[in-house]
Amino acid sequence: MIWTVVLPDLAATVRLARALAPLARARDVIALMGDLGSGKTAFARAFINARLGPTEAPSPTFNLVLTYEPEDETAPTIWHFDLYRLEEPEEALELGLEDAFAEGLSLIEWPERLRGLLPARALRLTFSHAEPGRRVAIAAAGDWADRLAPLAKTELWT
């Protein structure tokens, strides 16, 4: 399943993140692709806040990965990766990538840096600049297609 959503402003990006956040589960990987300034970090922040409530969620550009522990012990840890500065895919393994994929919920900016390490089951969101605002192409693999099917028919974010 692939569809494109127009996000005319930041509020629309937040609404999309809030719509997707409750659908995510442990072991899910959400790949956030797109140029600098296209909305990846804004989406990730809104997603984290939708899952955890008001939470300071800085960009992990310099840390490369930040984790967020939910109060609900049954909910997965959120791993927010920013792989922009990664030189080789194997460097991501040193950041705990395997643990994130095995137990957590992963948000990955610049996932193309992982090459073959990105799971085929990942939900892929490709952000781009558009007038007005942004556009995001959503590619759902595995059971993501079933989970997202009801959202594909709505216009919650416009």
N, C-alpha and C. Protein backbone atom coordinates (compact mmCIF):
# COMPACT_ATOMS: atom_id res chain seq x y z
N MET A 1 0.84 -1.17 0.00
CA MET A 1 0.00 0.00 0.00
C MET A 1 0.89 1.24 0.00
N ILE A 2 0.67 2.12 -0.96
CA ILE A 2 1.40 3.38 -1.03
C ILE A 2 0.38 4.48 -1.31
N TRP A 3 0.46 5.56 -0.53
CA TRP A 3 -0.35 6.72 -0.84
C TRP A 3 0.39 7.97 -0.42
N THR A 4 -0.03 9.10 -1.00
CA THR A 4 0.61 10.38 -0.73
C THR A 4 -0.35 11.29 -0.01
N VAL A 5 0.19 11.99 1.00
CA VAL A 5 -0.60 12.90 1.81
C VAL A 5 0.03 14.28 1.70
N VAL A 6 -0.80 15.31 1.52
CA VAL A 6 -0.32 16.68 1.52
C VAL A 6 -0.48 17.22 2.94
N LEU A 7 0.61 17.80 3.46
CA LEU A 7 0.63 18.38 4.81
C LEU A 7 0.84 19.88 4.64
N PRO A 8 -0.23 20.67 4.65
CA PRO A 8 -0.09 22.09 4.35
C PRO A 8 0.67 22.91 5.39
N ASP A 9 0.77 22.37 6.62
CA ASP A 9 1.46 23.12 7.67
C ASP A 9 1.93 22.16 8.76
N LEU A 10 2.63 22.71 9.76
CA LEU A 10 3.15 21.90 10.85
C LEU A 10 2.03 21.19 11.60
N ALA A 11 0.92 21.85 11.78
CA ALA A 11 -0.21 21.24 12.49
C ALA A 11 -0.69 19.97 11.79
N ALA A 12 -0.64 19.96 10.47
CA ALA A 12 -1.03 18.76 9.72
C ALA A 12 -0.03 17.64 9.94
N THR A 13 1.26 17.98 10.02
CA THR A 13 2.29 16.98 10.31
C THR A 13 2.04 16.37 11.68
N VAL A 14 1.70 17.21 12.65
CA VAL A 14 1.40 16.74 14.01
C VAL A 14 0.18 15.83 13.99
N ARG A 15 -0.85 16.19 13.26
CA ARG A 15 -2.06 15.34 13.19
C ARG A 15 -1.75 13.98 12.57
N LEU A 16 -0.91 13.96 11.55
CA LEU A 16 -0.55 12.68 10.94
C LEU A 16 0.21 11.83 11.95
N ALA A 17 1.17 12.42 12.65
CA ALA A 17 1.94 11.67 13.66
C ALA A 17 1.01 11.14 14.75
N ARG A 18 0.07 11.95 15.18
CA ARG A 18 -0.89 11.52 16.22
C ARG A 18 -1.79 10.39 15.72
N ALA A 19 -2.09 10.39 14.44
CA ALA A 19 -2.93 9.33 13.88
C ALA A 19 -2.16 8.02 13.78
N LEU A 20 -0.86 8.10 13.46
CA LEU A 20 -0.06 6.88 13.30
C LEU A 20 0.44 6.33 14.64
N ALA A 21 0.69 7.19 15.61
CA ALA A 21 1.30 6.77 16.88
C ALA A 21 0.56 5.63 17.58
N PRO A 22 -0.75 5.67 17.72
CA PRO A 22 -1.41 4.57 18.43
C PRO A 22 -1.42 3.24 17.67
N LEU A 23 -1.09 3.29 16.40
CA LEU A 23 -1.07 2.07 15.58
C LEU A 23 0.25 1.31 15.68
N ALA A 24 1.28 1.99 16.19
CA ALA A 24 2.62 1.39 16.25
C ALA A 24 2.73 0.43 17.42
N ARG A 25 3.56 -0.59 17.22
CA ARG A 25 3.74 -1.67 18.21
C ARG A 25 5.22 -1.93 18.44
N ALA A 26 5.49 -2.72 19.47
CA ALA A 26 6.87 -3.16 19.70
C ALA A 26 7.38 -3.84 18.44
N ARG A 27 8.66 -3.64 18.15
CA ARG A 27 9.37 -4.20 17.00
C ARG A 27 9.06 -3.48 15.69
N ASP A 28 8.21 -2.44 15.72
CA ASP A 28 7.95 -1.67 14.50
C ASP A 28 9.11 -0.74 14.22
N VAL A 29 9.32 -0.52 12.94
CA VAL A 29 10.35 0.41 12.48
C VAL A 29 9.66 1.38 11.54
N ILE A 30 9.84 2.68 11.84
CA ILE A 30 9.28 3.72 10.98
C ILE A 30 10.46 4.49 10.40
N ALA A 31 10.63 4.38 9.10
CA ALA A 31 11.73 5.01 8.38
C ALA A 31 11.28 6.36 7.86
N LEU A 32 11.98 7.42 8.29
CA LEU A 32 11.63 8.79 7.92
C LEU A 32 12.67 9.30 6.93
N MET A 33 12.27 9.41 5.68
CA MET A 33 13.19 9.80 4.61
C MET A 33 12.82 11.18 4.07
N GLY A 34 13.78 11.84 3.46
CA GLY A 34 13.52 13.13 2.85
C GLY A 34 14.68 14.08 3.06
N ASP A 35 14.63 15.19 2.34
CA ASP A 35 15.69 16.19 2.40
C ASP A 35 15.71 16.89 3.76
N LEU A 36 16.79 17.60 4.02
CA LEU A 36 16.88 18.43 5.22
C LEU A 36 15.70 19.40 5.25
N GLY A 37 15.09 19.54 6.41
CA GLY A 37 14.00 20.49 6.57
C GLY A 37 12.68 20.06 5.98
N SER A 38 12.54 18.80 5.62
CA SER A 38 11.31 18.35 4.98
C SER A 38 10.25 17.86 5.96
N GLY A 39 10.57 17.77 7.26
CA GLY A 39 9.55 17.43 8.24
C GLY A 39 9.78 16.16 9.04
N LYS A 40 10.91 15.51 8.84
CA LYS A 40 11.18 14.24 9.53
C LYS A 40 11.22 14.42 11.05
N THR A 41 12.00 15.38 11.52
CA THR A 41 12.13 15.57 12.97
C THR A 41 10.83 16.09 13.56
N ALA A 42 10.14 16.96 12.87
CA ALA A 42 8.85 17.46 13.36
C ALA A 42 7.87 16.30 13.54
N PHE A 43 7.86 15.40 12.58
CA PHE A 43 7.00 14.21 12.69
C PHE A 43 7.42 13.37 13.88
N ALA A 44 8.72 13.11 14.02
CA ALA A 44 9.22 12.27 15.12
C ALA A 44 8.85 12.87 16.48
N ARG A 45 9.04 14.17 16.64
CA ARG A 45 8.69 14.83 17.91
C ARG A 45 7.20 14.66 18.22
N ALA A 46 6.38 14.90 17.22
CA ALA A 46 4.93 14.79 17.41
C ALA A 46 4.53 13.35 17.73
N PHE A 47 5.17 12.40 17.08
CA PHE A 47 4.90 10.98 17.32
C PHE A 47 5.26 10.61 18.77
N ILE A 48 6.45 11.04 19.21
CA ILE A 48 6.90 10.74 20.58
C ILE A 48 5.94 11.37 21.59
N ASN A 49 5.54 12.61 21.36
CA ASN A 49 4.59 13.26 22.26
C ASN A 49 3.23 12.59 22.25
N ALA A 50 2.81 12.09 21.11
CA ALA A 50 1.53 11.39 21.04
C ALA A 50 1.58 10.09 21.83
N ARG A 51 2.72 9.43 21.84
CA ARG A 51 2.87 8.16 22.58
C ARG A 51 3.07 8.38 24.07
N LEU A 52 3.82 9.43 24.45
CA LEU A 52 4.26 9.58 25.84
C LEU A 52 3.66 10.77 26.57
N GLY A 53 2.92 11.61 25.87
CA GLY A 53 2.49 12.86 26.47
C GLY A 53 3.58 13.90 26.27
N PRO A 54 3.36 15.12 26.79
CA PRO A 54 4.35 16.18 26.58
C PRO A 54 5.74 15.75 27.03
N THR A 55 6.65 15.69 26.08
CA THR A 55 8.01 15.22 26.31
C THR A 55 8.96 16.07 25.49
N GLU A 56 10.05 16.51 26.10
CA GLU A 56 11.06 17.20 25.31
C GLU A 56 11.74 16.16 24.44
N ALA A 57 11.69 16.38 23.15
CA ALA A 57 12.26 15.41 22.21
C ALA A 57 13.19 16.15 21.25
N PRO A 58 14.43 16.41 21.70
CA PRO A 58 15.37 17.10 20.81
C PRO A 58 15.79 16.20 19.65
N SER A 59 16.29 16.81 18.62
CA SER A 59 16.81 16.02 17.50
C SER A 59 18.06 15.28 17.96
N PRO A 60 18.16 14.00 17.64
CA PRO A 60 19.35 13.24 18.03
C PRO A 60 20.52 13.39 17.05
N THR A 61 20.58 14.51 16.34
CA THR A 61 21.61 14.71 15.33
C THR A 61 23.01 14.47 15.88
N PHE A 62 23.30 15.00 17.06
CA PHE A 62 24.66 14.87 17.59
C PHE A 62 24.84 13.60 18.40
N ASN A 63 23.79 13.12 19.03
CA ASN A 63 23.85 11.88 19.81
C ASN A 63 23.70 10.65 18.92
N LEU A 64 23.06 10.81 17.80
CA LEU A 64 22.71 9.77 16.83
C LEU A 64 21.51 8.94 17.27
N VAL A 65 21.32 8.75 18.58
CA VAL A 65 20.15 8.01 19.05
C VAL A 65 19.75 8.53 20.43
N LEU A 66 18.45 8.67 20.64
CA LEU A 66 17.88 8.98 21.95
C LEU A 66 16.79 7.96 22.21
N THR A 67 16.65 7.56 23.46
CA THR A 67 15.59 6.61 23.81
C THR A 67 14.61 7.27 24.77
N TYR A 68 13.38 6.82 24.71
CA TYR A 68 12.30 7.33 25.54
C TYR A 68 11.57 6.15 26.16
N GLU A 69 11.54 6.15 27.49
CA GLU A 69 10.88 5.08 28.24
C GLU A 69 9.46 5.49 28.57
N PRO A 70 8.47 4.72 28.18
CA PRO A 70 7.09 5.04 28.53
C PRO A 70 6.81 4.72 30.00
N GLU A 71 5.85 5.41 30.59
CA GLU A 71 5.46 5.10 31.96
C GLU A 71 4.82 3.72 32.04
N ASP A 72 4.08 3.36 31.01
CA ASP A 72 3.45 2.04 30.94
C ASP A 72 4.55 1.02 30.64
N GLU A 73 4.85 0.18 31.58
CA GLU A 73 5.94 -0.78 31.44
C GLU A 73 5.70 -1.82 30.35
N THR A 74 4.46 -1.95 29.90
CA THR A 74 4.17 -2.91 28.84
C THR A 74 4.39 -2.31 27.45
N ALA A 75 4.51 -0.97 27.39
CA ALA A 75 4.72 -0.30 26.11
C ALA A 75 6.21 -0.34 25.76
N PRO A 76 6.53 -0.37 24.48
CA PRO A 76 7.95 -0.45 24.08
C PRO A 76 8.69 0.88 24.27
N THR A 77 9.98 0.76 24.50
CA THR A 77 10.87 1.92 24.49
C THR A 77 10.89 2.48 23.07
N ILE A 78 10.86 3.80 22.96
CA ILE A 78 10.97 4.44 21.65
C ILE A 78 12.43 4.79 21.42
N TRP A 79 12.97 4.34 20.30
CA TRP A 79 14.34 4.63 19.89
C TRP A 79 14.26 5.61 18.72
N HIS A 80 14.83 6.79 18.88
CA HIS A 80 14.82 7.80 17.82
C HIS A 80 16.25 7.95 17.30
N PHE A 81 16.47 7.46 16.11
CA PHE A 81 17.78 7.51 15.48
C PHE A 81 17.83 8.65 14.46
N ASP A 82 18.96 9.34 14.39
CA ASP A 82 19.24 10.27 13.31
C ASP A 82 20.59 9.84 12.74
N LEU A 83 20.55 9.21 11.60
CA LEU A 83 21.74 8.58 11.04
C LEU A 83 22.44 9.43 9.99
N TYR A 84 22.14 10.72 9.95
CA TYR A 84 22.71 11.60 8.94
C TYR A 84 24.24 11.54 8.91
N ARG A 85 24.86 11.47 10.08
CA ARG A 85 26.33 11.49 10.15
C ARG A 85 26.96 10.10 10.08
N LEU A 86 26.16 9.09 9.90
CA LEU A 86 26.69 7.73 9.81
C LEU A 86 27.47 7.54 8.51
N GLU A 87 28.62 6.92 8.61
CA GLU A 87 29.43 6.69 7.41
C GLU A 87 29.22 5.29 6.84
N GLU A 88 29.08 4.31 7.73
CA GLU A 88 28.89 2.91 7.31
C GLU A 88 27.70 2.33 8.06
N PRO A 89 26.91 1.48 7.42
CA PRO A 89 25.75 0.90 8.07
C PRO A 89 26.07 0.18 9.39
N GLU A 90 27.22 -0.46 9.42
CA GLU A 90 27.59 -1.24 10.61
C GLU A 90 27.74 -0.37 11.86
N GLU A 91 28.00 0.93 11.67
CA GLU A 91 28.11 1.85 12.81
C GLU A 91 26.81 1.90 13.59
N ALA A 92 25.69 1.68 12.92
CA ALA A 92 24.39 1.71 13.60
C ALA A 92 24.26 0.57 14.60
N LEU A 93 24.95 -0.52 14.36
CA LEU A 93 24.89 -1.64 15.29
C LEU A 93 25.46 -1.24 16.65
N GLU A 94 26.46 -0.36 16.65
CA GLU A 94 27.06 0.12 17.90
C GLU A 94 26.11 1.02 18.67
N LEU A 95 25.07 1.52 18.02
CA LEU A 95 24.09 2.40 18.65
C LEU A 95 22.94 1.63 19.30
N GLY A 96 22.95 0.29 19.17
CA GLY A 96 21.88 -0.52 19.74
C GLY A 96 20.77 -0.83 18.76
N LEU A 97 21.05 -0.73 17.49
CA LEU A 97 20.05 -0.95 16.45
C LEU A 97 19.36 -2.31 16.59
N GLU A 98 20.14 -3.34 16.84
CA GLU A 98 19.55 -4.69 16.96
C GLU A 98 18.60 -4.78 18.14
N ASP A 99 18.95 -4.16 19.27
CA ASP A 99 18.05 -4.14 20.42
C ASP A 99 16.78 -3.38 20.10
N ALA A 100 16.94 -2.25 19.43
CA ALA A 100 15.77 -1.45 19.05
C ALA A 100 14.82 -2.25 18.17
N PHE A 101 15.37 -2.94 17.17
CA PHE A 101 14.53 -3.72 16.27
C PHE A 101 13.89 -4.92 16.97
N ALA A 102 14.59 -5.50 17.95
CA ALA A 102 14.10 -6.71 18.62
C ALA A 102 13.03 -6.40 19.67
N GLU A 103 13.13 -5.25 20.35
CA GLU A 103 12.25 -4.99 21.49
C GLU A 103 11.53 -3.66 21.45
N GLY A 104 12.10 -2.69 20.76
CA GLY A 104 11.59 -1.33 20.84
C GLY A 104 10.69 -0.94 19.69
N LEU A 105 10.43 0.34 19.63
CA LEU A 105 9.70 0.98 18.55
C LEU A 105 10.68 2.00 17.99
N SER A 106 11.06 1.85 16.74
CA SER A 106 12.14 2.65 16.16
C SER A 106 11.64 3.70 15.18
N LEU A 107 12.08 4.94 15.40
CA LEU A 107 11.90 6.03 14.45
C LEU A 107 13.29 6.32 13.90
N ILE A 108 13.46 6.23 12.59
CA ILE A 108 14.81 6.36 12.02
C ILE A 108 14.83 7.43 10.94
N GLU A 109 15.52 8.53 11.24
CA GLU A 109 15.76 9.55 10.24
C GLU A 109 17.01 9.15 9.45
N TRP A 110 16.99 9.37 8.16
CA TRP A 110 18.06 9.01 7.25
C TRP A 110 18.29 7.48 7.23
N PRO A 111 17.23 6.69 7.11
CA PRO A 111 17.38 5.23 7.12
C PRO A 111 18.12 4.67 5.92
N GLU A 112 18.22 5.45 4.86
CA GLU A 112 18.96 4.98 3.68
C GLU A 112 20.42 4.71 4.03
N ARG A 113 20.92 5.30 5.11
CA ARG A 113 22.29 5.06 5.57
C ARG A 113 22.48 3.61 6.06
N LEU A 114 21.37 2.94 6.36
CA LEU A 114 21.44 1.55 6.84
C LEU A 114 21.60 0.55 5.71
N ARG A 115 21.30 0.98 4.51
CA ARG A 115 21.32 0.08 3.35
C ARG A 115 20.57 -1.20 3.65
N GLY A 116 21.20 -2.34 3.64
CA GLY A 116 20.52 -3.62 3.82
C GLY A 116 20.09 -3.94 5.24
N LEU A 117 20.41 -3.09 6.21
CA LEU A 117 20.03 -3.37 7.60
C LEU A 117 18.61 -2.93 7.93
N LEU A 118 17.99 -2.13 7.08
CA LEU A 118 16.62 -1.68 7.33
C LEU A 118 15.66 -2.84 7.04
N PRO A 119 14.84 -3.22 8.01
CA PRO A 119 13.92 -4.35 7.78
C PRO A 119 12.92 -4.07 6.66
N ALA A 120 12.61 -5.08 5.90
CA ALA A 120 11.64 -4.96 4.81
C ALA A 120 10.26 -4.58 5.35
N ARG A 121 9.98 -4.94 6.60
CA ARG A 121 8.68 -4.68 7.21
C ARG A 121 8.50 -3.23 7.66
N ALA A 122 9.53 -2.39 7.50
CA ALA A 122 9.48 -1.00 7.97
C ALA A 122 8.39 -0.22 7.24
N LEU A 123 7.76 0.66 7.99
CA LEU A 123 6.85 1.65 7.41
C LEU A 123 7.74 2.79 6.92
N ARG A 124 7.60 3.13 5.64
CA ARG A 124 8.47 4.16 5.05
C ARG A 124 7.66 5.41 4.76
N LEU A 125 8.12 6.52 5.34
CA LEU A 125 7.51 7.82 5.10
C LEU A 125 8.56 8.69 4.42
N THR A 126 8.26 9.13 3.21
CA THR A 126 9.20 9.97 2.46
C THR A 126 8.63 11.37 2.37
N PHE A 127 9.28 12.30 3.08
CA PHE A 127 8.85 13.69 3.14
C PHE A 127 9.49 14.49 2.02
N SER A 128 8.73 15.45 1.48
CA SER A 128 9.28 16.35 0.47
C SER A 128 8.63 17.72 0.61
N HIS A 129 9.32 18.72 0.12
CA HIS A 129 8.78 20.08 0.14
C HIS A 129 7.70 20.17 -0.93
N ALA A 130 6.63 20.87 -0.62
CA ALA A 130 5.53 21.07 -1.57
C ALA A 130 4.90 22.42 -1.28
N GLU A 131 4.13 22.90 -2.18
CA GLU A 131 3.39 24.16 -1.94
C GLU A 131 1.92 23.83 -1.83
N PRO A 132 1.29 24.12 -0.74
CA PRO A 132 1.90 24.66 0.48
C PRO A 132 2.43 23.55 1.36
N GLY A 133 3.41 23.84 2.16
CA GLY A 133 3.88 22.90 3.18
C GLY A 133 4.74 21.78 2.67
N ARG A 134 4.28 20.56 2.97
CA ARG A 134 5.05 19.35 2.65
C ARG A 134 4.13 18.28 2.09
N ARG A 135 4.77 17.26 1.58
CA ARG A 135 4.07 16.08 1.10
C ARG A 135 4.79 14.88 1.68
N VAL A 136 4.05 13.83 2.01
CA VAL A 136 4.68 12.61 2.49
C VAL A 136 4.08 11.43 1.75
N ALA A 137 4.97 10.61 1.18
CA ALA A 137 4.55 9.36 0.55
C ALA A 137 4.69 8.28 1.61
N ILE A 138 3.63 7.54 1.83
CA ILE A 138 3.60 6.51 2.86
C ILE A 138 3.58 5.15 2.17
N ALA A 139 4.59 4.33 2.45
CA ALA A 139 4.69 2.99 1.88
C ALA A 139 4.61 1.99 3.02
N ALA A 140 3.53 1.24 3.04
CA ALA A 140 3.26 0.29 4.12
C ALA A 140 3.56 -1.12 3.67
N ALA A 141 4.43 -1.80 4.41
CA ALA A 141 4.77 -3.19 4.14
C ALA A 141 4.25 -4.06 5.28
N GLY A 142 4.19 -5.36 5.04
CA GLY A 142 3.76 -6.28 6.09
C GLY A 142 2.38 -5.94 6.60
N ASP A 143 2.19 -6.08 7.92
CA ASP A 143 0.86 -5.83 8.48
C ASP A 143 0.56 -4.35 8.64
N TRP A 144 1.53 -3.48 8.32
CA TRP A 144 1.26 -2.04 8.35
C TRP A 144 0.12 -1.70 7.39
N ALA A 145 0.05 -2.37 6.26
CA ALA A 145 -1.00 -2.07 5.28
C ALA A 145 -2.38 -2.24 5.90
N ASP A 146 -2.59 -3.32 6.65
CA ASP A 146 -3.88 -3.54 7.31
C ASP A 146 -4.15 -2.49 8.39
N ARG A 147 -3.12 -2.17 9.16
CA ARG A 147 -3.29 -1.19 10.23
C ARG A 147 -3.61 0.20 9.69
N LEU A 148 -3.02 0.54 8.55
CA LEU A 148 -3.20 1.88 8.00
C LEU A 148 -4.40 2.02 7.07
N ALA A 149 -4.98 0.92 6.66
CA ALA A 149 -6.08 0.97 5.69
C ALA A 149 -7.19 1.96 6.09
N PRO A 150 -7.64 1.97 7.36
CA PRO A 150 -8.68 2.96 7.70
C PRO A 150 -8.20 4.41 7.57
N LEU A 151 -6.94 4.68 7.86
CA LEU A 151 -6.41 6.03 7.75
C LEU A 151 -6.29 6.49 6.31
N ALA A 152 -6.01 5.56 5.41
CA ALA A 152 -5.82 5.92 4.00
C ALA A 152 -7.10 6.54 3.42
N LYS A 153 -8.23 6.27 4.05
CA LYS A 153 -9.50 6.77 3.54
C LYS A 153 -9.92 8.08 4.21
N THR A 154 -9.10 8.59 5.13
CA THR A 154 -9.46 9.82 5.84
C THR A 154 -8.60 11.00 5.38
N GLU A 155 -8.98 12.14 5.81
CA GLU A 155 -8.23 13.38 5.52
C GLU A 155 -7.96 14.11 6.83
N LEU A 156 -7.58 13.36 7.88
CA LEU A 156 -7.38 13.94 9.21
C LEU A 156 -6.34 15.03 9.26
N TRP A 157 -5.38 15.00 8.40
CA TRP A 157 -4.22 15.89 8.51
C TRP A 157 -4.32 17.12 7.63
N THR A 158 -5.32 17.20 6.78
CA THR A 158 -5.43 18.38 5.89
C THR A 158 -6.28 19.46 6.49
